[in-house]
Amino acid sequence: MKRDMDLIRAVLIEVEKLPYDGGFHDISVHGYSGEEITYHVRLANEAGLIEAINLTTVDGICWRPLRLTYEGHEFLDAARSDTVWEKAKKMLLSATGVITIEGLKAALPQIVRKLLGA
């Protein structure tokens, strides 16, 4: 399955809405299948943006989020604005041809500084 950075951002937005009660939760993102969401929850977990639990059984692969990590909060706060998000993705694509988490971590603050005139 192909990584979708917009879905990773959407997963973070949905996880932020969850109660912090020590349990795992189902999330949904309009326009994406459960399989796509599960895959991206796992990717966000591997990237250190969320804590998630692997509930995979013989019936199928299943990852569910528990909470955002500190790194996840920082990333989401930088990526929350649609304008900043789109500009950062465009900047990365024009400079490197790819969009990665690490690239976005570098690009997002640069876009914010430009918008602030700093």
PDB file of N, CA and C in Angstrom:
ATOM      1  N   MET A   1       0.844  -1.176   0.000  1.00  0.00           N
ATOM      2  CA  MET A   1       0.000   0.000   0.000  1.00  0.00           C
ATOM      3  C   MET A   1       0.889   1.238   0.000  1.00  0.00           C
ATOM      4  N   LYS A   2       0.479   2.233  -0.726  1.00  0.00           N
ATOM      5  CA  LYS A   2       1.244   3.464  -0.824  1.00  0.00           C
ATOM      6  C   LYS A   2       0.964   4.372   0.380  1.00  0.00           C
ATOM      7  N   ARG A   3       2.016   4.997   0.871  1.00  0.00           N
ATOM      8  CA  ARG A   3       1.881   5.934   1.995  1.00  0.00           C
ATOM      9  C   ARG A   3       1.203   7.208   1.498  1.00  0.00           C
ATOM     10  N   ASP A   4       0.272   7.710   2.280  1.00  0.00           N
ATOM     11  CA  ASP A   4      -0.488   8.915   1.948  1.00  0.00           C
ATOM     12  C   ASP A   4      -0.299   9.905   3.103  1.00  0.00           C
ATOM     13  N   MET A   5       0.498  10.935   2.864  1.00  0.00           N
ATOM     14  CA  MET A   5       0.798  11.884   3.935  1.00  0.00           C
ATOM     15  C   MET A   5      -0.448  12.654   4.385  1.00  0.00           C
ATOM     16  N   ASP A   6      -1.392  12.876   3.469  1.00  0.00           N
ATOM     17  CA  ASP A   6      -2.629  13.540   3.871  1.00  0.00           C
ATOM     18  C   ASP A   6      -3.417  12.664   4.835  1.00  0.00           C
ATOM     19  N   LEU A   7      -3.382  11.360   4.625  1.00  0.00           N
ATOM     20  CA  LEU A   7      -4.071  10.450   5.543  1.00  0.00           C
ATOM     21  C   LEU A   7      -3.358  10.391   6.888  1.00  0.00           C
ATOM     22  N   ILE A   8      -2.034  10.424   6.890  1.00  0.00           N
ATOM     23  CA  ILE A   8      -1.317  10.455   8.170  1.00  0.00           C
ATOM     24  C   ILE A   8      -1.720  11.704   8.961  1.00  0.00           C
ATOM     25  N   ARG A   9      -1.785  12.838   8.288  1.00  0.00           N
ATOM     26  CA  ARG A   9      -2.224  14.074   8.957  1.00  0.00           C
ATOM     27  C   ARG A   9      -3.651  13.917   9.472  1.00  0.00           C
ATOM     28  N   ALA A  10      -4.533  13.341   8.674  1.00  0.00           N
ATOM     29  CA  ALA A  10      -5.925  13.146   9.085  1.00  0.00           C
ATOM     30  C   ALA A  10      -6.015  12.193  10.281  1.00  0.00           C
ATOM     31  N   VAL A  11      -5.188  11.161  10.294  1.00  0.00           N
ATOM     32  CA  VAL A  11      -5.146  10.240  11.433  1.00  0.00           C
ATOM     33  C   VAL A  11      -4.757  11.002  12.695  1.00  0.00           C
ATOM     34  N   LEU A  12      -3.749  11.857  12.601  1.00  0.00           N
ATOM     35  CA  LEU A  12      -3.337  12.635  13.767  1.00  0.00           C
ATOM     36  C   LEU A  12      -4.462  13.537  14.261  1.00  0.00           C
ATOM     37  N   ILE A  13      -5.171  14.143  13.339  1.00  0.00           N
ATOM     38  CA  ILE A  13      -6.292  15.018  13.709  1.00  0.00           C
ATOM     39  C   ILE A  13      -7.363  14.215  14.444  1.00  0.00           C
ATOM     40  N   GLU A  14      -7.662  13.024  13.951  1.00  0.00           N
ATOM     41  CA  GLU A  14      -8.676  12.176  14.589  1.00  0.00           C
ATOM     42  C   GLU A  14      -8.204  11.660  15.951  1.00  0.00           C
ATOM     43  N   VAL A  15      -6.943  11.282  16.044  1.00  0.00           N
ATOM     44  CA  VAL A  15      -6.414  10.779  17.321  1.00  0.00           C
ATOM     45  C   VAL A  15      -6.439  11.886  18.371  1.00  0.00           C
ATOM     46  N   GLU A  16      -6.164  13.113  17.968  1.00  0.00           N
ATOM     47  CA  GLU A  16      -6.192  14.238  18.915  1.00  0.00           C
ATOM     48  C   GLU A  16      -7.576  14.402  19.550  1.00  0.00           C
ATOM     49  N   LYS A  17      -8.618  14.033  18.827  1.00  0.00           N
ATOM     50  CA  LYS A  17      -9.994  14.167  19.324  1.00  0.00           C
ATOM     51  C   LYS A  17     -10.364  13.100  20.347  1.00  0.00           C
ATOM     52  N   LEU A  18      -9.574  12.035  20.420  1.00  0.00           N
ATOM     53  CA  LEU A  18      -9.916  10.904  21.284  1.00  0.00           C
ATOM     54  C   LEU A  18      -9.731  11.239  22.761  1.00  0.00           C
ATOM     55  N   PRO A  19     -10.533  10.611  23.624  1.00  0.00           N
ATOM     56  CA  PRO A  19     -10.304  10.785  25.063  1.00  0.00           C
ATOM     57  C   PRO A  19      -9.021  10.075  25.458  1.00  0.00           C
ATOM     58  N   TYR A  20      -8.369  10.602  26.472  1.00  0.00           N
ATOM     59  CA  TYR A  20      -7.184   9.915  26.990  1.00  0.00           C
ATOM     60  C   TYR A  20      -7.638   9.079  28.176  1.00  0.00           C
ATOM     61  N   ASP A  21      -8.000   7.853  27.880  1.00  0.00           N
ATOM     62  CA  ASP A  21      -8.548   6.967  28.909  1.00  0.00           C
ATOM     63  C   ASP A  21      -7.781   5.655  29.019  1.00  0.00           C
ATOM     64  N   GLY A  22      -6.633   5.583  28.351  1.00  0.00           N
ATOM     65  CA  GLY A  22      -5.809   4.388  28.428  1.00  0.00           C
ATOM     66  C   GLY A  22      -6.215   3.285  27.471  1.00  0.00           C
ATOM     67  N   GLY A  23      -7.302   3.496  26.739  1.00  0.00           N
ATOM     68  CA  GLY A  23      -7.787   2.476  25.817  1.00  0.00           C
ATOM     69  C   GLY A  23      -7.494   2.821  24.367  1.00  0.00           C
ATOM     70  N   PHE A  24      -7.638   1.825  23.529  1.00  0.00           N
ATOM     71  CA  PHE A  24      -7.497   2.056  22.096  1.00  0.00           C
ATOM     72  C   PHE A  24      -8.869   2.403  21.528  1.00  0.00           C
ATOM     73  N   HIS A  25      -8.865   3.030  20.366  1.00  0.00           N
ATOM     74  CA  HIS A  25     -10.110   3.522  19.789  1.00  0.00           C
ATOM     75  C   HIS A  25     -10.148   3.282  18.287  1.00  0.00           C
ATOM     76  N   ASP A  26     -11.341   3.127  17.773  1.00  0.00           N
ATOM     77  CA  ASP A  26     -11.545   3.099  16.334  1.00  0.00           C
ATOM     78  C   ASP A  26     -11.604   4.545  15.853  1.00  0.00           C
ATOM     79  N   ILE A  27     -11.043   4.784  14.689  1.00  0.00           N
ATOM     80  CA  ILE A  27     -11.186   6.092  14.062  1.00  0.00           C
ATOM     81  C   ILE A  27     -11.635   5.879  12.625  1.00  0.00           C
ATOM     82  N   SER A  28     -12.224   6.907  12.064  1.00  0.00           N
ATOM     83  CA  SER A  28     -12.593   6.865  10.654  1.00  0.00           C
ATOM     84  C   SER A  28     -12.178   8.177  10.024  1.00  0.00           C
ATOM     85  N   VAL A  29     -11.857   8.097   8.748  1.00  0.00           N
ATOM     86  CA  VAL A  29     -11.503   9.276   7.967  1.00  0.00           C
ATOM     87  C   VAL A  29     -12.286   9.168   6.666  1.00  0.00           C
ATOM     88  N   HIS A  30     -13.108  10.155   6.406  1.00  0.00           N
ATOM     89  CA  HIS A  30     -13.963  10.148   5.215  1.00  0.00           C
ATOM     90  C   HIS A  30     -13.129   9.918   3.951  1.00  0.00           C
ATOM     91  N   GLY A  31     -13.582   8.986   3.136  1.00  0.00           N
ATOM     92  CA  GLY A  31     -12.925   8.721   1.864  1.00  0.00           C
ATOM     93  C   GLY A  31     -11.846   7.653   1.911  1.00  0.00           C
ATOM     94  N   TYR A  32     -11.586   7.092   3.097  1.00  0.00           N
ATOM     95  CA  TYR A  32     -10.540   6.079   3.246  1.00  0.00           C
ATOM     96  C   TYR A  32     -11.125   4.807   3.847  1.00  0.00           C
ATOM     97  N   SER A  33     -10.620   3.668   3.406  1.00  0.00           N
ATOM     98  CA  SER A  33     -11.086   2.375   3.908  1.00  0.00           C
ATOM     99  C   SER A  33     -10.461   2.072   5.270  1.00  0.00           C
ATOM    100  N   GLY A  34     -11.042   1.112   5.956  1.00  0.00           N
ATOM    101  CA  GLY A  34     -10.483   0.669   7.222  1.00  0.00           C
ATOM    102  C   GLY A  34      -9.078   0.128   7.054  1.00  0.00           C
ATOM    103  N   GLU A  35      -8.823  -0.556   5.952  1.00  0.00           N
ATOM    104  CA  GLU A  35      -7.490  -1.097   5.678  1.00  0.00           C
ATOM    105  C   GLU A  35      -6.465   0.035   5.515  1.00  0.00           C
ATOM    106  N   GLU A  36      -6.843   1.082   4.790  1.00  0.00           N
ATOM    107  CA  GLU A  36      -5.940   2.225   4.604  1.00  0.00           C
ATOM    108  C   GLU A  36      -5.665   2.924   5.939  1.00  0.00           C
ATOM    109  N   ILE A  37      -6.701   3.079   6.741  1.00  0.00           N
ATOM    110  CA  ILE A  37      -6.534   3.740   8.036  1.00  0.00           C
ATOM    111  C   ILE A  37      -5.640   2.904   8.948  1.00  0.00           C
ATOM    112  N   THR A  38      -5.890   1.604   9.021  1.00  0.00           N
ATOM    113  CA  THR A  38      -5.057   0.718   9.835  1.00  0.00           C
ATOM    114  C   THR A  38      -3.591   0.823   9.431  1.00  0.00           C
ATOM    115  N   TYR A  39      -3.324   0.798   8.144  1.00  0.00           N
ATOM    116  CA  TYR A  39      -1.951   0.880   7.652  1.00  0.00           C
ATOM    117  C   TYR A  39      -1.298   2.188   8.072  1.00  0.00           C
ATOM    118  N   HIS A  40      -2.035   3.281   7.973  1.00  0.00           N
ATOM    119  CA  HIS A  40      -1.473   4.590   8.294  1.00  0.00           C
ATOM    120  C   HIS A  40      -1.376   4.828   9.802  1.00  0.00           C
ATOM    121  N   VAL A  41      -2.252   4.196  10.584  1.00  0.00           N
ATOM    122  CA  VAL A  41      -2.085   4.219  12.037  1.00  0.00           C
ATOM    123  C   VAL A  41      -0.765   3.536  12.386  1.00  0.00           C
ATOM    124  N   ARG A  42      -0.501   2.409  11.745  1.00  0.00           N
ATOM    125  CA  ARG A  42       0.764   1.708  12.001  1.00  0.00           C
ATOM    126  C   ARG A  42       1.956   2.571  11.595  1.00  0.00           C
ATOM    127  N   LEU A  43       1.883   3.220  10.435  1.00  0.00           N
ATOM    128  CA  LEU A  43       2.982   4.087   9.993  1.00  0.00           C
ATOM    129  C   LEU A  43       3.207   5.240  10.970  1.00  0.00           C
ATOM    130  N   ALA A  44       2.119   5.861  11.423  1.00  0.00           N
ATOM    131  CA  ALA A  44       2.244   6.972  12.377  1.00  0.00           C
ATOM    132  C   ALA A  44       2.858   6.479  13.682  1.00  0.00           C
ATOM    133  N   ASN A  45       2.533   5.277  14.078  1.00  0.00           N
ATOM    134  CA  ASN A  45       3.133   4.669  15.272  1.00  0.00           C
ATOM    135  C   ASN A  45       4.631   4.463  15.043  1.00  0.00           C
ATOM    136  N   GLU A  46       5.002   3.897  13.913  1.00  0.00           N
ATOM    137  CA  GLU A  46       6.410   3.656  13.605  1.00  0.00           C
ATOM    138  C   GLU A  46       7.205   4.961  13.531  1.00  0.00           C
ATOM    139  N   ALA A  47       6.545   6.037  13.087  1.00  0.00           N
ATOM    140  CA  ALA A  47       7.203   7.342  12.990  1.00  0.00           C
ATOM    141  C   ALA A  47       7.290   8.050  14.335  1.00  0.00           C
ATOM    142  N   GLY A  48       6.683   7.478  15.374  1.00  0.00           N
ATOM    143  CA  GLY A  48       6.720   8.084  16.696  1.00  0.00           C
ATOM    144  C   GLY A  48       5.728   9.214  16.889  1.00  0.00           C
ATOM    145  N   LEU A  49       4.746   9.328  15.996  1.00  0.00           N
ATOM    146  CA  LEU A  49       3.763  10.402  16.090  1.00  0.00           C
ATOM    147  C   LEU A  49       2.587  10.031  16.989  1.00  0.00           C
ATOM    148  N   ILE A  50       2.306   8.736  17.083  1.00  0.00           N
ATOM    149  CA  ILE A  50       1.251   8.255  17.960  1.00  0.00           C
ATOM    150  C   ILE A  50       1.722   6.984  18.663  1.00  0.00           C
ATOM    151  N   GLU A  51       1.015   6.648  19.715  1.00  0.00           N
ATOM    152  CA  GLU A  51       1.137   5.316  20.296  1.00  0.00           C
ATOM    153  C   GLU A  51      -0.078   4.550  19.810  1.00  0.00           C
ATOM    154  N   ALA A  52       0.149   3.348  19.305  1.00  0.00           N
ATOM    155  CA  ALA A  52      -0.936   2.512  18.806  1.00  0.00           C
ATOM    156  C   ALA A  52      -0.714   1.086  19.270  1.00  0.00           C
ATOM    157  N   ILE A  53      -1.757   0.311  19.201  1.00  0.00           N
ATOM    158  CA  ILE A  53      -1.693  -1.084  19.624  1.00  0.00           C
ATOM    159  C   ILE A  53      -1.997  -1.986  18.437  1.00  0.00           C
ATOM    160  N   ASN A  54      -1.245  -3.065  18.350  1.00  0.00           N
ATOM    161  CA  ASN A  54      -1.432  -4.050  17.291  1.00  0.00           C
ATOM    162  C   ASN A  54      -2.450  -5.079  17.767  1.00  0.00           C
ATOM    163  N   LEU A  55      -3.613  -5.082  17.150  1.00  0.00           N
ATOM    164  CA  LEU A  55      -4.672  -6.021  17.490  1.00  0.00           C
ATOM    165  C   LEU A  55      -4.868  -7.055  16.385  1.00  0.00           C
ATOM    166  N   THR A  56      -3.837  -7.276  15.593  1.00  0.00           N
ATOM    167  CA  THR A  56      -3.895  -8.206  14.477  1.00  0.00           C
ATOM    168  C   THR A  56      -4.179  -9.626  14.976  1.00  0.00           C
ATOM    169  N   THR A  57      -5.067 -10.295  14.277  1.00  0.00           N
ATOM    170  CA  THR A  57      -5.389 -11.689  14.558  1.00  0.00           C
ATOM    171  C   THR A  57      -5.370 -12.458  13.244  1.00  0.00           C
ATOM    172  N   VAL A  58      -5.720 -13.718  13.298  1.00  0.00           N
ATOM    173  CA  VAL A  58      -5.800 -14.506  12.067  1.00  0.00           C
ATOM    174  C   VAL A  58      -6.910 -13.985  11.165  1.00  0.00           C
ATOM    175  N   ASP A  59      -7.823 -13.206  11.716  1.00  0.00           N
ATOM    176  CA  ASP A  59      -8.921 -12.636  10.932  1.00  0.00           C
ATOM    177  C   ASP A  59      -8.515 -11.405  10.142  1.00  0.00           C
ATOM    178  N   GLY A  60      -7.363 -10.805  10.488  1.00  0.00           N
ATOM    179  CA  GLY A  60      -6.923  -9.644   9.732  1.00  0.00           C
ATOM    180  C   GLY A  60      -6.027  -8.715  10.515  1.00  0.00           C
ATOM    181  N   ILE A  61      -5.413  -7.818   9.781  1.00  0.00           N
ATOM    182  CA  ILE A  61      -4.503  -6.832  10.361  1.00  0.00           C
ATOM    183  C   ILE A  61      -5.329  -5.713  10.981  1.00  0.00           C
ATOM    184  N   CYS A  62      -4.938  -5.296  12.180  1.00  0.00           N
ATOM    185  CA  CYS A  62      -5.690  -4.267  12.889  1.00  0.00           C
ATOM    186  C   CYS A  62      -4.753  -3.496  13.819  1.00  0.00           C
ATOM    187  N   TRP A  63      -4.615  -2.218  13.581  1.00  0.00           N
ATOM    188  CA  TRP A  63      -3.885  -1.318  14.472  1.00  0.00           C
ATOM    189  C   TRP A  63      -4.847  -0.233  14.917  1.00  0.00           C
ATOM    190  N   ARG A  64      -4.861   0.060  16.217  1.00  0.00           N
ATOM    191  CA  ARG A  64      -5.742   1.088  16.764  1.00  0.00           C
ATOM    192  C   ARG A  64      -4.920   2.083  17.581  1.00  0.00           C
ATOM    193  N   PRO A  65      -5.240   3.376  17.447  1.00  0.00           N
ATOM    194  CA  PRO A  65      -4.493   4.401  18.178  1.00  0.00           C
ATOM    195  C   PRO A  65      -4.882   4.485  19.642  1.00  0.00           C
ATOM    196  N   LEU A  66      -3.876   4.846  20.450  1.00  0.00           N
ATOM    197  CA  LEU A  66      -4.082   5.112  21.872  1.00  0.00           C
ATOM    198  C   LEU A  66      -4.046   6.618  22.148  1.00  0.00           C
ATOM    199  N   ARG A  67      -2.980   7.274  21.625  1.00  0.00           N
ATOM    200  CA  ARG A  67      -2.820   8.711  21.892  1.00  0.00           C
ATOM    201  C   ARG A  67      -1.752   9.290  20.974  1.00  0.00           C
ATOM    202  N   LEU A  68      -1.733  10.619  20.887  1.00  0.00           N
ATOM    203  CA  LEU A  68      -0.632  11.323  20.230  1.00  0.00           C
ATOM    204  C   LEU A  68       0.566  11.342  21.172  1.00  0.00           C
ATOM    205  N   THR A  69       1.750  11.241  20.625  1.00  0.00           N
ATOM    206  CA  THR A  69       2.964  11.448  21.409  1.00  0.00           C
ATOM    207  C   THR A  69       3.266  12.947  21.435  1.00  0.00           C
ATOM    208  N   TYR A  70       4.262  13.326  22.220  1.00  0.00           N
ATOM    209  CA  TYR A  70       4.686  14.725  22.215  1.00  0.00           C
ATOM    210  C   TYR A  70       5.081  15.138  20.796  1.00  0.00           C
ATOM    211  N   GLU A  71       5.861  14.281  20.145  1.00  0.00           N
ATOM    212  CA  GLU A  71       6.285  14.545  18.758  1.00  0.00           C
ATOM    213  C   GLU A  71       5.074  14.682  17.829  1.00  0.00           C
ATOM    214  N   GLY A  72       4.058  13.862  18.073  1.00  0.00           N
ATOM    215  CA  GLY A  72       2.837  13.942  17.277  1.00  0.00           C
ATOM    216  C   GLY A  72       2.101  15.257  17.468  1.00  0.00           C
ATOM    217  N   HIS A  73       2.039  15.722  18.723  1.00  0.00           N
ATOM    218  CA  HIS A  73       1.414  17.029  18.991  1.00  0.00           C
ATOM    219  C   HIS A  73       2.179  18.143  18.289  1.00  0.00           C
ATOM    220  N   GLU A  74       3.497  18.096  18.386  1.00  0.00           N
ATOM    221  CA  GLU A  74       4.323  19.123  17.739  1.00  0.00           C
ATOM    222  C   GLU A  74       4.114  19.128  16.223  1.00  0.00           C
ATOM    223  N   PHE A  75       4.146  17.936  15.632  1.00  0.00           N
ATOM    224  CA  PHE A  75       3.962  17.818  14.185  1.00  0.00           C
ATOM    225  C   PHE A  75       2.578  18.330  13.773  1.00  0.00           C
ATOM    226  N   LEU A  76       1.536  17.892  14.491  1.00  0.00           N
ATOM    227  CA  LEU A  76       0.180  18.300  14.139  1.00  0.00           C
ATOM    228  C   LEU A  76      -0.015  19.797  14.309  1.00  0.00           C
ATOM    229  N   ASP A  77       0.537  20.374  15.366  1.00  0.00           N
ATOM    230  CA  ASP A  77       0.398  21.819  15.531  1.00  0.00           C
ATOM    231  C   ASP A  77       1.032  22.571  14.366  1.00  0.00           C
ATOM    232  N   ALA A  78       2.155  22.077  13.868  1.00  0.00           N
ATOM    233  CA  ALA A  78       2.805  22.716  12.716  1.00  0.00           C
ATOM    234  C   ALA A  78       2.022  22.472  11.435  1.00  0.00           C
ATOM    235  N   ALA A  79       1.332  21.325  11.345  1.00  0.00           N
ATOM    236  CA  ALA A  79       0.657  20.920  10.103  1.00  0.00           C
ATOM    237  C   ALA A  79      -0.842  21.222  10.091  1.00  0.00           C
ATOM    238  N   ARG A  80      -1.364  21.788  11.150  1.00  0.00           N
ATOM    239  CA  ARG A  80      -2.818  21.951  11.285  1.00  0.00           C
ATOM    240  C   ARG A  80      -3.432  22.846  10.204  1.00  0.00           C
ATOM    241  N   SER A  81      -2.789  23.936   9.892  1.00  0.00           N
ATOM    242  CA  SER A  81      -3.323  24.868   8.903  1.00  0.00           C
ATOM    243  C   SER A  81      -3.265  24.248   7.506  1.00  0.00           C
ATOM    244  N   ASP A  82      -4.405  24.254   6.817  1.00  0.00           N
ATOM    245  CA  ASP A  82      -4.431  23.732   5.444  1.00  0.00           C
ATOM    246  C   ASP A  82      -3.469  24.504   4.548  1.00  0.00           C
ATOM    247  N   THR A  83      -3.375  25.809   4.733  1.00  0.00           N
ATOM    248  CA  THR A  83      -2.483  26.640   3.922  1.00  0.00           C
ATOM    249  C   THR A  83      -1.031  26.249   4.140  1.00  0.00           C
ATOM    250  N   VAL A  84      -0.623  26.135   5.385  1.00  0.00           N
ATOM    251  CA  VAL A  84       0.759  25.762   5.710  1.00  0.00           C
ATOM    252  C   VAL A  84       1.051  24.355   5.187  1.00  0.00           C
ATOM    253  N   TRP A  85       0.123  23.435   5.389  1.00  0.00           N
ATOM    254  CA  TRP A  85       0.290  22.041   4.952  1.00  0.00           C
ATOM    255  C   TRP A  85       0.516  21.969   3.447  1.00  0.00           C
ATOM    256  N   GLU A  86      -0.330  22.618   2.691  1.00  0.00           N
ATOM    257  CA  GLU A  86      -0.222  22.568   1.226  1.00  0.00           C
ATOM    258  C   GLU A  86       1.064  23.234   0.736  1.00  0.00           C
ATOM    259  N   LYS A  87       1.430  24.349   1.337  1.00  0.00           N
ATOM    260  CA  LYS A  87       2.672  25.026   0.940  1.00  0.00           C
ATOM    261  C   LYS A  87       3.896  24.172   1.255  1.00  0.00           C
ATOM    262  N   ALA A  88       3.890  23.502   2.408  1.00  0.00           N
ATOM    263  CA  ALA A  88       5.021  22.641   2.778  1.00  0.00           C
ATOM    264  C   ALA A  88       5.142  21.471   1.810  1.00  0.00           C
ATOM    265  N   LYS A  89       4.020  20.846   1.472  1.00  0.00           N
ATOM    266  CA  LYS A  89       4.054  19.737   0.513  1.00  0.00           C
ATOM    267  C   LYS A  89       4.554  20.209  -0.849  1.00  0.00           C
ATOM    268  N   LYS A  90       4.072  21.351  -1.281  1.00  0.00           N
ATOM    269  CA  LYS A  90       4.496  21.895  -2.584  1.00  0.00           C
ATOM    270  C   LYS A  90       5.987  22.212  -2.577  1.00  0.00           C
ATOM    271  N   MET A  91       6.467  22.795  -1.475  1.00  0.00           N
ATOM    272  CA  MET A  91       7.883  23.129  -1.363  1.00  0.00           C
ATOM    273  C   MET A  91       8.741  21.866  -1.433  1.00  0.00           C
ATOM    274  N   LEU A  92       8.340  20.829  -0.715  1.00  0.00           N
ATOM    275  CA  LEU A  92       9.097  19.578  -0.725  1.00  0.00           C
ATOM    276  C   LEU A  92       9.085  18.920  -2.098  1.00  0.00           C
ATOM    277  N   LEU A  93       7.926  18.883  -2.718  1.00  0.00           N
ATOM    278  CA  LEU A  93       7.844  18.261  -4.042  1.00  0.00           C
ATOM    279  C   LEU A  93       8.701  18.985  -5.066  1.00  0.00           C
ATOM    280  N   SER A  94       8.682  20.312  -5.024  1.00  0.00           N
ATOM    281  CA  SER A  94       9.479  21.055  -6.008  1.00  0.00           C
ATOM    282  C   SER A  94      10.974  20.930  -5.725  1.00  0.00           C
ATOM    283  N   ALA A  95      11.351  20.806  -4.458  1.00  0.00           N
ATOM    284  CA  ALA A  95      12.772  20.727  -4.107  1.00  0.00           C
ATOM    285  C   ALA A  95      13.337  19.313  -4.226  1.00  0.00           C
ATOM    286  N   THR A  96      12.532  18.308  -3.852  1.00  0.00           N
ATOM    287  CA  THR A  96      13.064  16.943  -3.770  1.00  0.00           C
ATOM    288  C   THR A  96      12.315  15.919  -4.605  1.00  0.00           C
ATOM    289  N   GLY A  97      11.085  16.235  -4.963  1.00  0.00           N
ATOM    290  CA  GLY A  97      10.270  15.290  -5.711  1.00  0.00           C
ATOM    291  C   GLY A  97       9.542  14.284  -4.834  1.00  0.00           C
ATOM    292  N   VAL A  98       9.754  14.334  -3.520  1.00  0.00           N
ATOM    293  CA  VAL A  98       9.081  13.413  -2.596  1.00  0.00           C
ATOM    294  C   VAL A  98       8.635  14.165  -1.342  1.00  0.00           C
ATOM    295  N   ILE A  99       7.654  13.570  -0.666  1.00  0.00           N
ATOM    296  CA  ILE A  99       7.181  14.119   0.605  1.00  0.00           C
ATOM    297  C   ILE A  99       7.402  13.057   1.668  1.00  0.00           C
ATOM    298  N   THR A 100       8.185  13.395   2.679  1.00  0.00           N
ATOM    299  CA  THR A 100       8.455  12.485   3.788  1.00  0.00           C
ATOM    300  C   THR A 100       8.113  13.173   5.102  1.00  0.00           C
ATOM    301  N   ILE A 101       7.980  12.382   6.150  1.00  0.00           N
ATOM    302  CA  ILE A 101       7.740  12.945   7.486  1.00  0.00           C
ATOM    303  C   ILE A 101       8.888  13.871   7.870  1.00  0.00           C
ATOM    304  N   GLU A 102      10.113  13.390   7.695  1.00  0.00           N
ATOM    305  CA  GLU A 102      11.281  14.201   8.064  1.00  0.00           C
ATOM    306  C   GLU A 102      11.346  15.479   7.237  1.00  0.00           C
ATOM    307  N   GLY A 103      11.014  15.381   5.964  1.00  0.00           N
ATOM    308  CA  GLY A 103      10.981  16.573   5.121  1.00  0.00           C
ATOM    309  C   GLY A 103       9.941  17.560   5.590  1.00  0.00           C
ATOM    310  N   LEU A 104       8.766  17.058   5.950  1.00  0.00           N
ATOM    311  CA  LEU A 104       7.708  17.937   6.451  1.00  0.00           C
ATOM    312  C   LEU A 104       8.095  18.580   7.777  1.00  0.00           C
ATOM    313  N   LYS A 105       8.775  17.815   8.641  1.00  0.00           N
ATOM    314  CA  LYS A 105       9.239  18.385   9.913  1.00  0.00           C
ATOM    315  C   LYS A 105      10.170  19.564   9.677  1.00  0.00           C
ATOM    316  N   ALA A 106      10.941  19.516   8.602  1.00  0.00           N
ATOM    317  CA  ALA A 106      11.846  20.624   8.275  1.00  0.00           C
ATOM    318  C   ALA A 106      11.118  21.755   7.555  1.00  0.00           C
ATOM    319  N   ALA A 107      10.192  21.403   6.661  1.00  0.00           N
ATOM    320  CA  ALA A 107       9.529  22.403   5.823  1.00  0.00           C
ATOM    321  C   ALA A 107       8.461  23.201   6.555  1.00  0.00           C
ATOM    322  N   LEU A 108       7.705  22.544   7.417  1.00  0.00           N
ATOM    323  CA  LEU A 108       6.585  23.234   8.072  1.00  0.00           C
ATOM    324  C   LEU A 108       7.022  24.486   8.837  1.00  0.00           C
ATOM    325  N   PRO A 109       8.070  24.421   9.669  1.00  0.00           N
ATOM    326  CA  PRO A 109       8.488  25.641  10.364  1.00  0.00           C
ATOM    327  C   PRO A 109       8.969  26.744   9.410  1.00  0.00           C
ATOM    328  N   GLN A 110       9.580  26.354   8.310  1.00  0.00           N
ATOM    329  CA  GLN A 110      10.031  27.343   7.330  1.00  0.00           C
ATOM    330  C   GLN A 110       8.843  28.083   6.726  1.00  0.00           C
ATOM    331  N   ILE A 111       7.779  27.350   6.420  1.00  0.00           N
ATOM    332  CA  ILE A 111       6.576  27.976   5.860  1.00  0.00           C
ATOM    333  C   ILE A 111       5.953  28.915   6.871  1.00  0.00           C
ATOM    334  N   VAL A 112       5.881  28.507   8.118  1.00  0.00           N
ATOM    335  CA  VAL A 112       5.298  29.372   9.163  1.00  0.00           C
ATOM    336  C   VAL A 112       6.105  30.658   9.283  1.00  0.00           C
ATOM    337  N   ARG A 113       7.447  30.530   9.280  1.00  0.00           N
ATOM    338  CA  ARG A 113       8.300  31.734   9.371  1.00  0.00           C
ATOM    339  C   ARG A 113       8.057  32.655   8.183  1.00  0.00           C
ATOM    340  N   LYS A 114       7.928  32.110   6.989  1.00  0.00           N
ATOM    341  CA  LYS A 114       7.674  32.931   5.804  1.00  0.00           C
ATOM    342  C   LYS A 114       6.325  33.642   5.933  1.00  0.00           C
ATOM    343  N   LEU A 115       5.309  32.934   6.395  1.00  0.00           N
ATOM    344  CA  LEU A 115       4.000  33.555   6.542  1.00  0.00           C
ATOM    345  C   LEU A 115       4.003  34.648   7.608  1.00  0.00           C
ATOM    346  N   LEU A 116       4.859  34.489   8.607  1.00  0.00           N
ATOM    347  CA  LEU A 116       4.964  35.506   9.660  1.00  0.00           C
ATOM    348  C   LEU A 116       5.872  36.672   9.259  1.00  0.00           C
ATOM    349  N   GLY A 117       6.553  36.508   8.127  1.00  0.00           N
ATOM    350  CA  GLY A 117       7.455  37.553   7.663  1.00  0.00           C
ATOM    351  C   GLY A 117       8.760  37.582   8.416  1.00  0.00           C
ATOM    352  N   ALA A 118       9.115  36.469   9.049  1.00  0.00           N
ATOM    353  CA  ALA A 118      10.355  36.413   9.830  1.00  0.00           C
ATOM    354  C   ALA A 118      11.520  35.941   8.985  1.00  0.00           C
TER     355      ALA A 118
END
